[in-house]
PDB file of N, CA and C in Angstrom:
ATOM      1  N   MET A   1     122.282 187.197 153.513  1.00  0.00           N
ATOM      2  CA  MET A   1     123.160 186.513 152.604  1.00  0.00           C
ATOM      3  C   MET A   1     122.537 186.517 151.204  1.00  0.00           C
ATOM      4  N   PRO A   2     123.278 187.009 150.172  1.00  0.00           N
ATOM      5  CA  PRO A   2     122.701 187.094 148.821  1.00  0.00           C
ATOM      6  C   PRO A   2     122.690 185.717 148.142  1.00  0.00           C
ATOM      7  N   THR A   3     121.707 185.542 147.288  1.00  0.00           N
ATOM      8  CA  THR A   3     121.633 184.294 146.532  1.00  0.00           C
ATOM      9  C   THR A   3     122.429 184.462 145.232  1.00  0.00           C
ATOM     10  N   THR A   4     123.098 183.414 144.831  1.00  0.00           N
ATOM     11  CA  THR A   4     123.958 183.510 143.657  1.00  0.00           C
ATOM     12  C   THR A   4     123.432 182.739 142.457  1.00  0.00           C
ATOM     13  N   GLY A   5     122.354 182.061 142.580  1.00  0.00           N
ATOM     14  CA  GLY A   5     121.805 181.318 141.448  1.00  0.00           C
ATOM     15  C   GLY A   5     122.233 179.861 141.497  1.00  0.00           C
ATOM     16  N   PRO A   6     121.823 179.110 140.491  1.00  0.00           N
ATOM     17  CA  PRO A   6     122.149 177.679 140.498  1.00  0.00           C
ATOM     18  C   PRO A   6     123.652 177.448 140.280  1.00  0.00           C
ATOM     19  N   LYS A   7     124.131 176.400 140.907  1.00  0.00           N
ATOM     20  CA  LYS A   7     125.542 176.049 140.732  1.00  0.00           C
ATOM     21  C   LYS A   7     125.720 175.326 139.407  1.00  0.00           C
ATOM     22  N   LYS A   8     126.807 175.646 138.715  1.00  0.00           N
ATOM     23  CA  LYS A   8     127.087 175.007 137.434  1.00  0.00           C
ATOM     24  C   LYS A   8     128.386 174.233 137.552  1.00  0.00           C
ATOM     25  N   ASP A   9     128.380 173.054 136.982  1.00  0.00           N
ATOM     26  CA  ASP A   9     129.618 172.295 136.928  1.00  0.00           C
ATOM     27  C   ASP A   9     130.497 172.910 135.841  1.00  0.00           C
ATOM     28  N   LYS A  10     131.700 173.273 136.199  1.00  0.00           N
ATOM     29  CA  LYS A  10     132.600 173.863 135.224  1.00  0.00           C
ATOM     30  C   LYS A  10     133.549 172.788 134.710  1.00  0.00           C
ATOM     31  N   THR A  11     133.080 172.087 133.690  1.00  0.00           N
ATOM     32  CA  THR A  11     133.925 171.078 133.079  1.00  0.00           C
ATOM     33  C   THR A  11     134.645 171.713 131.893  1.00  0.00           C
ATOM     34  N   PRO A  12     135.903 171.409 131.720  1.00  0.00           N
ATOM     35  CA  PRO A  12     136.628 171.993 130.582  1.00  0.00           C
ATOM     36  C   PRO A  12     136.093 171.426 129.269  1.00  0.00           C
ATOM     37  N   PRO A  13     136.155 172.214 128.203  1.00  0.00           N
ATOM     38  CA  PRO A  13     135.662 171.708 126.923  1.00  0.00           C
ATOM     39  C   PRO A  13     136.516 170.532 126.447  1.00  0.00           C
ATOM     40  N   VAL A  14     135.879 169.622 125.766  1.00  0.00           N
ATOM     41  CA  VAL A  14     136.573 168.435 125.270  1.00  0.00           C
ATOM     42  C   VAL A  14     137.412 168.825 124.062  1.00  0.00           C
ATOM     43  N   LYS A  15     138.671 168.414 124.082  1.00  0.00           N
ATOM     44  CA  LYS A  15     139.541 168.692 122.944  1.00  0.00           C
ATOM     45  C   LYS A  15     139.538 167.488 122.019  1.00  0.00           C
ATOM     46  N   ARG A  16     139.363 167.765 120.725  1.00  0.00           N
ATOM     47  CA  ARG A  16     139.398 166.714 119.710  1.00  0.00           C
ATOM     48  C   ARG A  16     140.642 166.908 118.852  1.00  0.00           C
ATOM     49  N   ARG A  17     141.153 165.819 118.319  1.00  0.00           N
ATOM     50  CA  ARG A  17     142.303 165.914 117.429  1.00  0.00           C
ATOM     51  C   ARG A  17     141.880 166.607 116.141  1.00  0.00           C
ATOM     52  N   CYS A  18     142.717 167.479 115.632  1.00  0.00           N
ATOM     53  CA  CYS A  18     142.415 168.244 114.415  1.00  0.00           C
ATOM     54  C   CYS A  18     142.303 167.295 113.225  1.00  0.00           C
ATOM     55  N   ASN A  19     141.256 167.495 112.417  1.00  0.00           N
ATOM     56  CA  ASN A  19     141.041 166.607 111.275  1.00  0.00           C
ATOM     57  C   ASN A  19     141.917 166.960 110.081  1.00  0.00           C
ATOM     58  N   ARG A  20     142.477 168.172 110.033  1.00  0.00           N
ATOM     59  CA  ARG A  20     143.310 168.556 108.895  1.00  0.00           C
ATOM     60  C   ARG A  20     144.748 168.089 109.058  1.00  0.00           C
ATOM     61  N   CYS A  21     145.318 168.275 110.248  1.00  0.00           N
ATOM     62  CA  CYS A  21     146.728 167.908 110.469  1.00  0.00           C
ATOM     63  C   CYS A  21     146.879 166.612 111.250  1.00  0.00           C
ATOM     64  N   HIS A  22     145.771 165.993 111.644  1.00  0.00           N
ATOM     65  CA  HIS A  22     145.762 164.726 112.383  1.00  0.00           C
ATOM     66  C   HIS A  22     146.504 164.817 113.713  1.00  0.00           C
ATOM     67  N   GLY A  23     146.470 165.989 114.333  1.00  0.00           N
ATOM     68  CA  GLY A  23     147.058 166.159 115.657  1.00  0.00           C
ATOM     69  C   GLY A  23     148.523 166.539 115.667  1.00  0.00           C
ATOM     70  N   PHE A  24     149.144 166.724 114.510  1.00  0.00           N
ATOM     71  CA  PHE A  24     150.564 167.072 114.455  1.00  0.00           C
ATOM     72  C   PHE A  24     150.808 168.577 114.552  1.00  0.00           C
ATOM     73  N   GLY A  25     149.824 169.386 114.189  1.00  0.00           N
ATOM     74  CA  GLY A  25     149.993 170.837 114.225  1.00  0.00           C
ATOM     75  C   GLY A  25     150.638 171.389 112.969  1.00  0.00           C
ATOM     76  N   ARG A  26     151.063 170.541 112.068  1.00  0.00           N
ATOM     77  CA  ARG A  26     151.667 170.940 110.802  1.00  0.00           C
ATOM     78  C   ARG A  26     150.869 170.298 109.675  1.00  0.00           C
ATOM     79  N   ALA A  27     150.630 171.042 108.613  1.00  0.00           N
ATOM     80  CA  ALA A  27     149.862 170.548 107.485  1.00  0.00           C
ATOM     81  C   ALA A  27     150.646 170.803 106.201  1.00  0.00           C
ATOM     82  N   PRO A  28     150.395 170.048 105.137  1.00  0.00           N
ATOM     83  CA  PRO A  28     151.094 170.295 103.871  1.00  0.00           C
ATOM     84  C   PRO A  28     150.848 171.711 103.375  1.00  0.00           C
ATOM     85  N   CYS A  29     151.872 172.304 102.815  1.00  0.00           N
ATOM     86  CA  CYS A  29     151.778 173.670 102.296  1.00  0.00           C
ATOM     87  C   CYS A  29     150.754 173.721 101.171  1.00  0.00           C
ATOM     88  N   ARG A  30     149.908 174.721 101.185  1.00  0.00           N
ATOM     89  CA  ARG A  30     148.877 174.847 100.161  1.00  0.00           C
ATOM     90  C   ARG A  30     149.430 175.437  98.865  1.00  0.00           C
ATOM     91  N   ILE A  31     150.529 176.154  98.926  1.00  0.00           N
ATOM     92  CA  ILE A  31     151.097 176.779  97.731  1.00  0.00           C
ATOM     93  C   ILE A  31     151.798 175.749  96.860  1.00  0.00           C
ATOM     94  N   CYS A  32     152.647 174.925  97.460  1.00  0.00           N
ATOM     95  CA  CYS A  32     153.422 173.946  96.688  1.00  0.00           C
ATOM     96  C   CYS A  32     152.865 172.535  96.803  1.00  0.00           C
ATOM     97  N   ALA A  33     151.762 172.350  97.503  1.00  0.00           N
ATOM     98  CA  ALA A  33     151.124 171.042  97.721  1.00  0.00           C
ATOM     99  C   ALA A  33     152.067 170.059  98.403  1.00  0.00           C
ATOM    100  N   GLY A  34     152.932 170.551  99.276  1.00  0.00           N
ATOM    101  CA  GLY A  34     153.817 169.688 100.040  1.00  0.00           C
ATOM    102  C   GLY A  34     155.057 169.236  99.293  1.00  0.00           C
ATOM    103  N   LYS A  35     155.411 169.901  98.204  1.00  0.00           N
ATOM    104  CA  LYS A  35     156.587 169.518  97.426  1.00  0.00           C
ATOM    105  C   LYS A  35     157.832 170.310  97.821  1.00  0.00           C
ATOM    106  N   GLY A  36     157.670 171.494  98.382  1.00  0.00           N
ATOM    107  CA  GLY A  36     158.799 172.301  98.802  1.00  0.00           C
ATOM    108  C   GLY A  36     159.363 173.202  97.725  1.00  0.00           C
ATOM    109  N   GLN A  37     158.892 173.059  96.506  1.00  0.00           N
ATOM    110  CA  GLN A  37     159.366 173.902  95.410  1.00  0.00           C
ATOM    111  C   GLN A  37     158.215 174.208  94.463  1.00  0.00           C
ATOM    112  N   VAL A  38     158.344 175.315  93.754  1.00  0.00           N
ATOM    113  CA  VAL A  38     157.312 175.726  92.809  1.00  0.00           C
ATOM    114  C   VAL A  38     157.942 175.958  91.442  1.00  0.00           C
ATOM    115  N   LEU A  39     157.163 175.757  90.408  1.00  0.00           N
ATOM    116  CA  LEU A  39     157.620 175.954  89.045  1.00  0.00           C
ATOM    117  C   LEU A  39     157.675 177.448  88.749  1.00  0.00           C
ATOM    118  N   MET A  40     158.834 177.932  88.332  1.00  0.00           N
ATOM    119  CA  MET A  40     158.987 179.353  88.040  1.00  0.00           C
ATOM    120  C   MET A  40     158.963 179.638  86.549  1.00  0.00           C
ATOM    121  N   GLY A  41     158.984 178.625  85.726  1.00  0.00           N
ATOM    122  CA  GLY A  41     158.969 178.804  84.279  1.00  0.00           C
ATOM    123  C   GLY A  41     159.955 177.848  83.639  1.00  0.00           C
ATOM    124  N   THR A  42     160.450 178.226  82.477  1.00  0.00           N
ATOM    125  CA  THR A  42     161.414 177.388  81.781  1.00  0.00           C
ATOM    126  C   THR A  42     162.651 178.200  81.444  1.00  0.00           C
ATOM    127  N   ASP A  43     163.767 177.499  81.267  1.00  0.00           N
ATOM    128  CA  ASP A  43     164.986 178.194  80.861  1.00  0.00           C
ATOM    129  C   ASP A  43     165.017 178.283  79.334  1.00  0.00           C
ATOM    130  N   VAL A  44     166.133 178.759  78.775  1.00  0.00           N
ATOM    131  CA  VAL A  44     166.214 178.965  77.328  1.00  0.00           C
ATOM    132  C   VAL A  44     166.180 177.655  76.553  1.00  0.00           C
ATOM    133  N   TYR A  45     166.453 176.539  77.194  1.00  0.00           N
ATOM    134  CA  TYR A  45     166.431 175.237  76.538  1.00  0.00           C
ATOM    135  C   TYR A  45     165.090 174.514  76.701  1.00  0.00           C
ATOM    136  N   GLY A  46     164.137 175.122  77.390  1.00  0.00           N
ATOM    137  CA  GLY A  46     162.812 174.541  77.562  1.00  0.00           C
ATOM    138  C   GLY A  46     162.678 173.637  78.770  1.00  0.00           C
ATOM    139  N   ARG A  47     163.713 173.565  79.607  1.00  0.00           N
ATOM    140  CA  ARG A  47     163.642 172.734  80.817  1.00  0.00           C
ATOM    141  C   ARG A  47     162.936 173.505  81.930  1.00  0.00           C
ATOM    142  N   ALA A  48     162.239 172.769  82.755  1.00  0.00           N
ATOM    143  CA  ALA A  48     161.507 173.390  83.866  1.00  0.00           C
ATOM    144  C   ALA A  48     162.485 173.996  84.861  1.00  0.00           C
ATOM    145  N   LYS A  49     162.119 175.160  85.377  1.00  0.00           N
ATOM    146  CA  LYS A  49     162.954 175.867  86.347  1.00  0.00           C
ATOM    147  C   LYS A  49     162.168 175.962  87.651  1.00  0.00           C
ATOM    148  N   PHE A  50     162.697 175.364  88.714  1.00  0.00           N
ATOM    149  CA  PHE A  50     162.025 175.348  90.007  1.00  0.00           C
ATOM    150  C   PHE A  50     162.776 176.225  91.001  1.00  0.00           C
ATOM    151  N   GLU A  51     162.032 176.799  91.945  1.00  0.00           N
ATOM    152  CA  GLU A  51     162.613 177.551  93.048  1.00  0.00           C
ATOM    153  C   GLU A  51     161.947 177.130  94.339  1.00  0.00           C
ATOM    154  N   ARG A  52     162.603 177.436  95.440  1.00  0.00           N
ATOM    155  CA  ARG A  52     162.066 177.102  96.760  1.00  0.00           C
ATOM    156  C   ARG A  52     160.740 177.822  96.979  1.00  0.00           C
ATOM    157  N   CYS A  53     159.798 177.137  97.601  1.00  0.00           N
ATOM    158  CA  CYS A  53     158.466 177.691  97.858  1.00  0.00           C
ATOM    159  C   CYS A  53     158.557 178.857  98.834  1.00  0.00           C
ATOM    160  N   GLY A  54     157.827 179.924  98.538  1.00  0.00           N
ATOM    161  CA  GLY A  54     157.808 181.092  99.411  1.00  0.00           C
ATOM    162  C   GLY A  54     156.828 180.960 100.577  1.00  0.00           C
ATOM    163  N   GLY A  55     155.944 179.974 100.508  1.00  0.00           N
ATOM    164  CA  GLY A  55     154.967 179.786 101.578  1.00  0.00           C
ATOM    165  C   GLY A  55     155.514 178.984 102.743  1.00  0.00           C
ATOM    166  N   CYS A  56     156.282 177.934 102.432  1.00  0.00           N
ATOM    167  CA  CYS A  56     156.818 177.060 103.484  1.00  0.00           C
ATOM    168  C   CYS A  56     158.342 177.129 103.559  1.00  0.00           C
ATOM    169  N   PHE A  57     158.950 177.892 102.660  1.00  0.00           N
ATOM    170  CA  PHE A  57     160.409 178.058 102.597  1.00  0.00           C
ATOM    171  C   PHE A  57     161.123 176.725 102.426  1.00  0.00           C
ATOM    172  N   GLY A  58     160.500 175.810 101.676  1.00  0.00           N
ATOM    173  CA  GLY A  58     161.111 174.534 101.352  1.00  0.00           C
ATOM    174  C   GLY A  58     160.928 173.446 102.389  1.00  0.00           C
ATOM    175  N   THR A  59     160.217 173.708 103.486  1.00  0.00           N
ATOM    176  CA  THR A  59     160.039 172.691 104.524  1.00  0.00           C
ATOM    177  C   THR A  59     158.880 171.748 104.230  1.00  0.00           C
ATOM    178  N   LYS A  60     158.093 172.039 103.234  1.00  0.00           N
ATOM    179  CA  LYS A  60     156.954 171.240 102.759  1.00  0.00           C
ATOM    180  C   LYS A  60     155.727 171.302 103.659  1.00  0.00           C
ATOM    181  N   THR A  61     155.824 171.862 104.860  1.00  0.00           N
ATOM    182  CA  THR A  61     154.666 171.975 105.747  1.00  0.00           C
ATOM    183  C   THR A  61     154.572 173.383 106.308  1.00  0.00           C
ATOM    184  N   THR A  62     153.366 173.736 106.714  1.00  0.00           N
ATOM    185  CA  THR A  62     153.127 175.016 107.390  1.00  0.00           C
ATOM    186  C   THR A  62     152.309 174.743 108.646  1.00  0.00           C
ATOM    187  N   ARG A  63     152.213 175.749 109.488  1.00  0.00           N
ATOM    188  CA  ARG A  63     151.393 175.607 110.694  1.00  0.00           C
ATOM    189  C   ARG A  63     149.946 175.433 110.269  1.00  0.00           C
ATOM    190  N   CYS A  64     149.274 174.507 110.870  1.00  0.00           N
ATOM    191  CA  CYS A  64     147.886 174.189 110.510  1.00  0.00           C
ATOM    192  C   CYS A  64     146.992 175.402 110.784  1.00  0.00           C
ATOM    193  N   ALA A  65     146.229 175.789 109.791  1.00  0.00           N
ATOM    194  CA  ALA A  65     145.337 176.937 109.926  1.00  0.00           C
ATOM    195  C   ALA A  65     144.073 176.595 110.709  1.00  0.00           C
ATOM    196  N   THR A  66     143.696 175.340 110.719  1.00  0.00           N
ATOM    197  CA  THR A  66     142.467 174.925 111.410  1.00  0.00           C
ATOM    198  C   THR A  66     142.624 174.977 112.923  1.00  0.00           C
ATOM    199  N   CYS A  67     143.722 174.427 113.430  1.00  0.00           N
ATOM    200  CA  CYS A  67     143.918 174.370 114.881  1.00  0.00           C
ATOM    201  C   CYS A  67     144.951 175.373 115.367  1.00  0.00           C
ATOM    202  N   GLY A  68     145.564 176.128 114.467  1.00  0.00           N
ATOM    203  CA  GLY A  68     146.560 177.127 114.862  1.00  0.00           C
ATOM    204  C   GLY A  68     147.869 176.504 115.303  1.00  0.00           C
ATOM    205  N   GLY A  69     148.140 175.273 114.901  1.00  0.00           N
ATOM    206  CA  GLY A  69     149.380 174.613 115.267  1.00  0.00           C
ATOM    207  C   GLY A  69     149.328 173.853 116.574  1.00  0.00           C
ATOM    208  N   ASP A  70     148.169 173.856 117.219  1.00  0.00           N
ATOM    209  CA  ASP A  70     148.011 173.171 118.505  1.00  0.00           C
ATOM    210  C   ASP A  70     147.832 171.658 118.343  1.00  0.00           C
ATOM    211  N   GLY A  71     147.205 171.260 117.249  1.00  0.00           N
ATOM    212  CA  GLY A  71     146.940 169.847 117.010  1.00  0.00           C
ATOM    213  C   GLY A  71     145.581 169.398 117.510  1.00  0.00           C
ATOM    214  N   PHE A  72     144.926 170.257 118.304  1.00  0.00           N
ATOM    215  CA  PHE A  72     143.617 169.897 118.870  1.00  0.00           C
ATOM    216  C   PHE A  72     142.633 171.042 118.680  1.00  0.00           C
ATOM    217  N   ILE A  73     141.369 170.685 118.574  1.00  0.00           N
ATOM    218  CA  ILE A  73     140.285 171.652 118.424  1.00  0.00           C
ATOM    219  C   ILE A  73     139.360 171.503 119.624  1.00  0.00           C
ATOM    220  N   THR A  74     138.949 172.621 120.209  1.00  0.00           N
ATOM    221  CA  THR A  74     138.033 172.543 121.349  1.00  0.00           C
ATOM    222  C   THR A  74     136.600 172.512 120.871  1.00  0.00           C
TER     223      THR A  74
END
């Protein structure tokens, strides 16, 4: 009978809540800072012209880059 070495307890890694999204899996957009729109310039009268953010498409949040949208980090 062959020997297999010492037995190891296979405990799953502990999951911690993500510190960036606080466990929600969604974080504020880095392009628009969570506003949903970005400044595109001014019109002919000098008023600010805004358009929908291309990073979050106006939803104000994106999938968390730290946890990959899971909400937890191993």
